[in-house]
Amino acid sequence: MSKKKKYRGSGTHGGGSKKKRRGAGSRGGRGRGGRKHRKIKYSREKKRRKGFKRPQAVIKTADEINIKNLEERLDEFIESGAAEKNGDGFVVDLQKAGYDKLLGSGNVTKTLEVKAKDFSEKAREKLEETGGSAIELS
């Protein structure tokens, strides 16, 4: 026997007094009303961090400069003492200028002899095409 059939004629269908199951309050509001239907926006739990964070002492960032920026800032480097004019070309010490690596973006129009810790392959090629050179520092 089903519950519906069992409670036929009882008037309240097992809900206690006739007044108790009257409104929408007994089912938590109409539609999506009521607290249990709401989406939880902020969790009360402490948000935990996931993954591994590398120590700052381990992270090494190489300060890099492109050839086009090097040529644009050549006068600035001469004033600071990181570069000097040598006949037709220029001798640039990138370590004194605060850079570790020379990258090959841009075109070379002047003869440059560049001293740095590291060079990209394109930068090395472009320097040698114009008669310059790339000298690696240790």
N, C-alpha and C. Protein backbone atom coordinates (compact mmCIF):
# COMPACT_ATOMS: atom_id res chain seq x y z
N MET A 1 0.83 -1.18 0.00
CA MET A 1 0.00 0.00 0.00
C MET A 1 0.89 1.26 0.00
N SER A 2 0.57 2.22 -0.88
CA SER A 2 1.36 3.44 -0.96
C SER A 2 1.00 4.40 0.16
N LYS A 3 1.89 5.35 0.43
CA LYS A 3 1.64 6.34 1.49
C LYS A 3 0.41 7.17 1.16
N LYS A 4 0.26 7.53 -0.11
CA LYS A 4 -0.88 8.34 -0.52
C LYS A 4 -2.18 7.64 -0.17
N LYS A 5 -2.23 6.35 -0.52
CA LYS A 5 -3.44 5.57 -0.29
C LYS A 5 -3.70 5.40 1.22
N LYS A 6 -2.59 5.22 1.95
CA LYS A 6 -2.69 4.99 3.39
C LYS A 6 -3.31 6.18 4.11
N TYR A 7 -2.90 7.41 3.67
CA TYR A 7 -3.35 8.62 4.36
C TYR A 7 -4.64 9.21 3.80
N ARG A 8 -5.29 8.55 2.83
CA ARG A 8 -6.56 9.06 2.31
C ARG A 8 -7.60 9.20 3.43
N GLY A 9 -8.18 10.40 3.47
CA GLY A 9 -9.22 10.63 4.46
C GLY A 9 -8.72 11.08 5.81
N SER A 10 -7.40 11.11 6.03
CA SER A 10 -6.88 11.52 7.34
C SER A 10 -6.88 13.03 7.51
N GLY A 11 -6.93 13.77 6.40
CA GLY A 11 -6.98 15.24 6.48
C GLY A 11 -5.63 15.90 6.53
N THR A 12 -4.68 15.30 7.22
CA THR A 12 -3.36 15.95 7.36
C THR A 12 -2.24 15.14 6.74
N HIS A 13 -2.49 13.92 6.32
CA HIS A 13 -1.48 13.05 5.71
C HIS A 13 -0.23 12.93 6.56
N GLY A 14 -0.36 12.82 7.83
CA GLY A 14 0.76 12.59 8.72
C GLY A 14 1.56 13.82 9.04
N GLY A 15 1.00 15.02 8.78
CA GLY A 15 1.75 16.24 9.01
C GLY A 15 1.41 16.91 10.31
N GLY A 16 0.79 16.24 11.23
CA GLY A 16 0.42 16.83 12.51
C GLY A 16 -0.83 17.67 12.39
N SER A 17 -0.85 18.82 13.06
CA SER A 17 -2.00 19.71 13.07
C SER A 17 -2.26 20.23 11.66
N LYS A 18 -3.53 20.62 11.42
CA LYS A 18 -3.90 21.12 10.09
C LYS A 18 -3.15 22.42 9.75
N LYS A 19 -2.76 23.17 10.77
CA LYS A 19 -2.08 24.45 10.55
C LYS A 19 -0.61 24.30 10.17
N LYS A 20 -0.02 23.15 10.45
CA LYS A 20 1.44 23.04 10.37
C LYS A 20 2.04 23.02 8.96
N ARG A 21 1.39 22.43 7.98
CA ARG A 21 2.01 22.33 6.65
C ARG A 21 1.33 23.25 5.65
N ARG A 22 0.89 24.42 6.13
CA ARG A 22 0.11 25.30 5.28
C ARG A 22 0.92 26.05 4.22
N GLY A 23 1.93 26.82 4.64
CA GLY A 23 2.62 27.74 3.72
C GLY A 23 3.86 27.14 3.08
N ALA A 24 4.57 28.02 2.38
CA ALA A 24 5.79 27.60 1.69
C ALA A 24 6.95 27.46 2.66
N GLY A 25 6.77 27.97 3.88
CA GLY A 25 7.84 27.91 4.87
C GLY A 25 8.22 26.50 5.25
N SER A 26 7.29 25.58 5.15
CA SER A 26 7.58 24.21 5.52
C SER A 26 8.48 23.52 4.48
N ARG A 27 8.56 24.10 3.28
CA ARG A 27 9.46 23.53 2.26
C ARG A 27 10.62 24.46 1.91
N GLY A 28 10.92 25.40 2.80
CA GLY A 28 12.09 26.26 2.60
C GLY A 28 11.88 27.37 1.61
N GLY A 29 10.65 27.83 1.42
CA GLY A 29 10.38 28.93 0.51
C GLY A 29 9.93 28.43 -0.85
N ARG A 30 9.47 29.38 -1.68
CA ARG A 30 9.02 29.02 -3.03
C ARG A 30 10.16 29.20 -4.01
N GLY A 31 10.25 28.32 -4.97
CA GLY A 31 11.29 28.41 -6.00
C GLY A 31 12.66 28.22 -5.41
N ARG A 32 13.56 29.20 -5.69
CA ARG A 32 14.93 29.08 -5.19
C ARG A 32 15.13 29.88 -3.90
N GLY A 33 14.03 30.32 -3.30
CA GLY A 33 14.10 31.06 -2.05
C GLY A 33 14.59 30.17 -0.92
N GLY A 34 15.10 30.75 0.13
CA GLY A 34 15.55 29.98 1.28
C GLY A 34 17.04 29.73 1.24
N ARG A 35 17.62 29.58 2.41
CA ARG A 35 19.08 29.49 2.54
C ARG A 35 19.68 28.25 1.89
N LYS A 36 18.97 27.14 1.95
CA LYS A 36 19.59 25.91 1.45
C LYS A 36 19.73 25.87 -0.08
N HIS A 37 19.02 26.79 -0.76
CA HIS A 37 19.10 26.81 -2.22
C HIS A 37 20.17 27.76 -2.73
N ARG A 38 20.68 28.63 -1.86
CA ARG A 38 21.65 29.63 -2.29
C ARG A 38 23.00 29.01 -2.60
N LYS A 39 23.68 29.64 -3.53
CA LYS A 39 25.03 29.21 -3.87
C LYS A 39 25.98 29.79 -2.83
N ILE A 40 26.89 29.01 -2.33
CA ILE A 40 27.83 29.49 -1.32
C ILE A 40 28.91 30.29 -2.03
N LYS A 41 28.96 31.60 -1.72
CA LYS A 41 29.95 32.46 -2.38
C LYS A 41 31.28 32.42 -1.65
N TYR A 42 31.24 32.50 -0.35
CA TYR A 42 32.47 32.53 0.43
C TYR A 42 32.47 31.37 1.41
N SER A 43 33.48 30.57 1.30
CA SER A 43 33.59 29.43 2.20
C SER A 43 34.21 29.90 3.51
N ARG A 44 33.73 29.37 4.61
CA ARG A 44 34.29 29.76 5.90
C ARG A 44 35.61 29.07 6.16
N GLU A 45 35.87 28.03 5.39
CA GLU A 45 37.13 27.30 5.57
C GLU A 45 38.29 28.17 5.09
N LYS A 46 39.44 27.98 5.68
CA LYS A 46 40.63 28.71 5.27
C LYS A 46 41.08 28.19 3.91
N LYS A 47 41.30 29.10 2.98
CA LYS A 47 41.73 28.68 1.66
C LYS A 47 43.19 28.28 1.73
N ARG A 48 43.47 27.06 1.35
CA ARG A 48 44.84 26.58 1.47
C ARG A 48 45.58 26.76 0.17
N ARG A 49 46.85 26.93 0.29
CA ARG A 49 47.71 27.08 -0.88
C ARG A 49 48.07 25.71 -1.41
N LYS A 50 48.18 25.63 -2.72
CA LYS A 50 48.53 24.36 -3.34
C LYS A 50 49.83 24.53 -4.10
N GLY A 51 50.54 23.45 -4.24
CA GLY A 51 51.75 23.48 -5.05
C GLY A 51 52.99 23.82 -4.24
N PHE A 52 54.06 24.09 -4.97
CA PHE A 52 55.35 24.34 -4.37
C PHE A 52 55.83 25.72 -4.78
N LYS A 53 56.29 26.50 -3.82
CA LYS A 53 56.81 27.82 -4.12
C LYS A 53 58.32 27.79 -3.99
N ARG A 54 58.99 28.15 -5.08
CA ARG A 54 60.45 28.10 -5.08
C ARG A 54 61.02 29.22 -4.22
N PRO A 55 62.08 28.94 -3.45
CA PRO A 55 62.72 29.98 -2.64
C PRO A 55 63.35 31.05 -3.54
N GLN A 56 63.30 32.30 -3.10
CA GLN A 56 63.83 33.41 -3.89
C GLN A 56 65.33 33.28 -4.15
N ALA A 57 66.05 32.64 -3.22
CA ALA A 57 67.49 32.48 -3.38
C ALA A 57 67.83 31.58 -4.57
N VAL A 58 66.91 30.69 -4.93
CA VAL A 58 67.15 29.75 -6.01
C VAL A 58 66.84 30.37 -7.37
N ILE A 59 65.90 31.32 -7.39
CA ILE A 59 65.46 31.91 -8.65
C ILE A 59 66.50 32.90 -9.15
N LYS A 60 67.00 32.65 -10.34
CA LYS A 60 67.98 33.55 -10.96
C LYS A 60 67.34 34.17 -12.19
N THR A 61 67.32 35.48 -12.23
CA THR A 61 66.78 36.16 -13.40
C THR A 61 67.93 36.83 -14.13
N ALA A 62 68.04 36.52 -15.41
CA ALA A 62 69.10 37.13 -16.22
C ALA A 62 68.56 38.44 -16.79
N ASP A 63 69.30 39.51 -16.59
CA ASP A 63 68.91 40.79 -17.17
C ASP A 63 69.37 40.78 -18.61
N GLU A 64 68.38 40.94 -19.52
CA GLU A 64 68.66 40.81 -20.94
C GLU A 64 68.39 42.13 -21.64
N ILE A 65 69.06 42.33 -22.79
CA ILE A 65 68.83 43.52 -23.62
C ILE A 65 68.92 43.09 -25.08
N ASN A 66 68.08 43.68 -25.91
CA ASN A 66 68.10 43.39 -27.34
C ASN A 66 69.10 44.30 -28.05
N ILE A 67 69.53 43.88 -29.23
CA ILE A 67 70.50 44.67 -29.99
C ILE A 67 69.93 46.04 -30.34
N LYS A 68 68.64 46.09 -30.72
CA LYS A 68 68.05 47.39 -31.09
C LYS A 68 68.06 48.35 -29.90
N ASN A 69 67.79 47.85 -28.70
CA ASN A 69 67.82 48.71 -27.51
C ASN A 69 69.25 49.13 -27.16
N LEU A 70 70.19 48.24 -27.42
CA LEU A 70 71.60 48.55 -27.17
C LEU A 70 72.06 49.71 -28.05
N GLU A 71 71.69 49.67 -29.32
CA GLU A 71 72.07 50.76 -30.23
C GLU A 71 71.37 52.07 -29.87
N GLU A 72 70.10 51.99 -29.47
CA GLU A 72 69.36 53.19 -29.09
C GLU A 72 69.96 53.85 -27.85
N ARG A 73 70.43 53.05 -26.92
CA ARG A 73 70.94 53.58 -25.64
C ARG A 73 72.46 53.68 -25.61
N LEU A 74 73.10 53.64 -26.77
CA LEU A 74 74.57 53.68 -26.84
C LEU A 74 75.15 54.95 -26.21
N ASP A 75 74.52 56.11 -26.47
CA ASP A 75 75.00 57.38 -25.88
C ASP A 75 74.92 57.33 -24.36
N GLU A 76 73.84 56.74 -23.87
CA GLU A 76 73.64 56.60 -22.42
C GLU A 76 74.75 55.73 -21.79
N PHE A 77 75.10 54.65 -22.49
CA PHE A 77 76.16 53.76 -22.00
C PHE A 77 77.53 54.43 -22.04
N ILE A 78 77.78 55.27 -23.03
CA ILE A 78 79.06 55.99 -23.13
C ILE A 78 79.19 56.96 -21.95
N GLU A 79 78.10 57.67 -21.62
CA GLU A 79 78.11 58.61 -20.51
C GLU A 79 78.37 57.92 -19.17
N SER A 80 77.78 56.72 -19.00
CA SER A 80 77.95 56.00 -17.73
C SER A 80 79.29 55.26 -17.64
N GLY A 81 80.01 55.16 -18.75
CA GLY A 81 81.31 54.49 -18.73
C GLY A 81 81.25 53.01 -19.08
N ALA A 82 80.10 52.52 -19.50
CA ALA A 82 79.95 51.11 -19.87
C ALA A 82 80.32 50.87 -21.33
N ALA A 83 80.49 51.96 -22.11
CA ALA A 83 80.87 51.84 -23.52
C ALA A 83 81.84 52.95 -23.88
N GLU A 84 82.60 52.71 -24.94
CA GLU A 84 83.54 53.74 -25.44
C GLU A 84 83.72 53.61 -26.94
N LYS A 85 84.03 54.71 -27.58
CA LYS A 85 84.24 54.70 -29.03
C LYS A 85 85.66 54.23 -29.32
N ASN A 86 85.75 53.32 -30.29
CA ASN A 86 87.06 52.74 -30.64
C ASN A 86 87.19 52.78 -32.16
N GLY A 87 87.77 53.87 -32.67
CA GLY A 87 87.91 54.02 -34.12
C GLY A 87 86.55 54.18 -34.78
N ASP A 88 86.21 53.24 -35.68
CA ASP A 88 84.92 53.28 -36.38
C ASP A 88 83.78 52.70 -35.52
N GLY A 89 84.10 51.81 -34.62
CA GLY A 89 83.07 51.10 -33.87
C GLY A 89 83.03 51.49 -32.40
N PHE A 90 82.33 50.67 -31.65
CA PHE A 90 82.16 50.90 -30.22
C PHE A 90 82.47 49.61 -29.45
N VAL A 91 83.03 49.78 -28.25
CA VAL A 91 83.26 48.65 -27.34
C VAL A 91 82.28 48.83 -26.17
N VAL A 92 81.42 47.82 -25.98
CA VAL A 92 80.38 47.90 -24.95
C VAL A 92 80.57 46.77 -23.95
N ASP A 93 80.66 47.13 -22.65
CA ASP A 93 80.73 46.13 -21.59
C ASP A 93 79.35 46.07 -20.93
N LEU A 94 78.57 45.04 -21.28
CA LEU A 94 77.20 44.93 -20.77
C LEU A 94 77.16 44.64 -19.27
N GLN A 95 78.21 44.02 -18.75
CA GLN A 95 78.24 43.72 -17.32
C GLN A 95 78.29 45.02 -16.51
N LYS A 96 79.05 46.00 -16.98
CA LYS A 96 79.11 47.30 -16.31
C LYS A 96 77.78 48.03 -16.42
N ALA A 97 77.06 47.80 -17.54
CA ALA A 97 75.76 48.44 -17.75
C ALA A 97 74.65 47.75 -16.95
N GLY A 98 74.94 46.57 -16.40
CA GLY A 98 73.96 45.87 -15.57
C GLY A 98 73.17 44.81 -16.30
N TYR A 99 73.72 44.29 -17.41
CA TYR A 99 73.03 43.25 -18.18
C TYR A 99 73.89 42.00 -18.27
N ASP A 100 73.21 40.84 -18.35
CA ASP A 100 73.92 39.56 -18.42
C ASP A 100 73.94 38.97 -19.83
N LYS A 101 72.88 39.23 -20.60
CA LYS A 101 72.73 38.54 -21.88
C LYS A 101 72.30 39.52 -22.97
N LEU A 102 72.81 39.30 -24.19
CA LEU A 102 72.42 40.08 -25.36
C LEU A 102 71.55 39.22 -26.25
N LEU A 103 70.37 39.75 -26.59
CA LEU A 103 69.44 39.05 -27.46
C LEU A 103 69.45 39.66 -28.86
N GLY A 104 68.98 38.91 -29.86
CA GLY A 104 69.16 39.30 -31.26
C GLY A 104 68.03 40.02 -31.93
N SER A 105 67.09 40.61 -31.20
CA SER A 105 65.98 41.31 -31.84
C SER A 105 66.43 42.69 -32.31
N GLY A 106 66.18 43.00 -33.56
CA GLY A 106 66.55 44.30 -34.12
C GLY A 106 67.70 44.17 -35.10
N ASN A 107 68.06 45.29 -35.72
CA ASN A 107 69.14 45.31 -36.71
C ASN A 107 70.34 46.07 -36.18
N VAL A 108 71.52 45.63 -36.63
CA VAL A 108 72.76 46.29 -36.22
C VAL A 108 73.22 47.18 -37.36
N THR A 109 73.45 48.46 -37.08
CA THR A 109 73.93 49.39 -38.12
C THR A 109 75.36 49.84 -37.83
N LYS A 110 75.81 49.69 -36.60
CA LYS A 110 77.15 50.12 -36.21
C LYS A 110 78.01 48.91 -35.90
N THR A 111 79.32 49.09 -35.98
CA THR A 111 80.25 48.02 -35.62
C THR A 111 80.38 48.00 -34.09
N LEU A 112 79.96 46.88 -33.50
CA LEU A 112 79.97 46.77 -32.05
C LEU A 112 80.81 45.59 -31.59
N GLU A 113 81.64 45.87 -30.59
CA GLU A 113 82.37 44.79 -29.91
C GLU A 113 81.74 44.72 -28.51
N VAL A 114 80.99 43.64 -28.27
CA VAL A 114 80.20 43.55 -27.05
C VAL A 114 80.78 42.50 -26.12
N LYS A 115 80.95 42.88 -24.84
CA LYS A 115 81.40 41.95 -23.81
C LYS A 115 80.22 41.67 -22.89
N ALA A 116 79.87 40.37 -22.75
CA ALA A 116 78.75 39.98 -21.90
C ALA A 116 78.93 38.55 -21.44
N LYS A 117 78.14 38.13 -20.44
CA LYS A 117 78.20 36.76 -19.94
C LYS A 117 77.66 35.76 -20.96
N ASP A 118 76.59 36.15 -21.68
CA ASP A 118 75.94 35.22 -22.59
C ASP A 118 75.36 35.95 -23.79
N PHE A 119 75.26 35.26 -24.91
CA PHE A 119 74.70 35.80 -26.14
C PHE A 119 73.74 34.79 -26.74
N SER A 120 72.69 35.27 -27.40
CA SER A 120 71.84 34.36 -28.16
C SER A 120 72.54 34.14 -29.51
N GLU A 121 72.16 33.07 -30.21
CA GLU A 121 72.81 32.74 -31.49
C GLU A 121 72.61 33.85 -32.51
N LYS A 122 71.39 34.39 -32.58
CA LYS A 122 71.10 35.46 -33.55
C LYS A 122 71.91 36.71 -33.25
N ALA A 123 72.05 37.04 -31.97
CA ALA A 123 72.81 38.23 -31.60
C ALA A 123 74.26 38.08 -32.04
N ARG A 124 74.82 36.90 -31.82
CA ARG A 124 76.20 36.63 -32.22
C ARG A 124 76.37 36.77 -33.73
N GLU A 125 75.42 36.19 -34.49
CA GLU A 125 75.47 36.26 -35.96
C GLU A 125 75.39 37.71 -36.44
N LYS A 126 74.45 38.47 -35.89
CA LYS A 126 74.25 39.85 -36.34
C LYS A 126 75.46 40.73 -36.03
N LEU A 127 76.11 40.49 -34.89
CA LEU A 127 77.30 41.26 -34.56
C LEU A 127 78.44 40.96 -35.53
N GLU A 128 78.62 39.69 -35.86
CA GLU A 128 79.71 39.29 -36.76
C GLU A 128 79.47 39.70 -38.19
N GLU A 129 78.19 39.81 -38.63
CA GLU A 129 77.87 40.27 -39.98
C GLU A 129 78.32 41.69 -40.23
N THR A 130 78.22 42.54 -39.21
CA THR A 130 78.59 43.96 -39.38
C THR A 130 80.05 44.22 -39.04
N GLY A 131 80.81 43.17 -38.77
CA GLY A 131 82.23 43.35 -38.50
C GLY A 131 82.55 43.48 -37.02
N GLY A 132 81.56 43.28 -36.17
CA GLY A 132 81.78 43.35 -34.74
C GLY A 132 82.13 41.99 -34.18
N SER A 133 82.15 41.88 -32.86
CA SER A 133 82.45 40.60 -32.23
C SER A 133 81.72 40.48 -30.90
N ALA A 134 81.57 39.22 -30.47
CA ALA A 134 80.92 38.92 -29.19
C ALA A 134 81.95 38.26 -28.29
N ILE A 135 82.29 38.92 -27.19
CA ILE A 135 83.31 38.40 -26.27
C ILE A 135 82.58 37.94 -25.00
N GLU A 136 82.72 36.64 -24.67
CA GLU A 136 82.06 36.10 -23.49
C GLU A 136 82.91 36.33 -22.25
N LEU A 137 82.26 36.83 -21.21
CA LEU A 137 82.93 37.02 -19.92
C LEU A 137 82.55 35.86 -19.01
N SER A 138 83.43 35.50 -18.11
CA SER A 138 83.11 34.40 -17.22
C SER A 138 82.55 34.90 -15.90
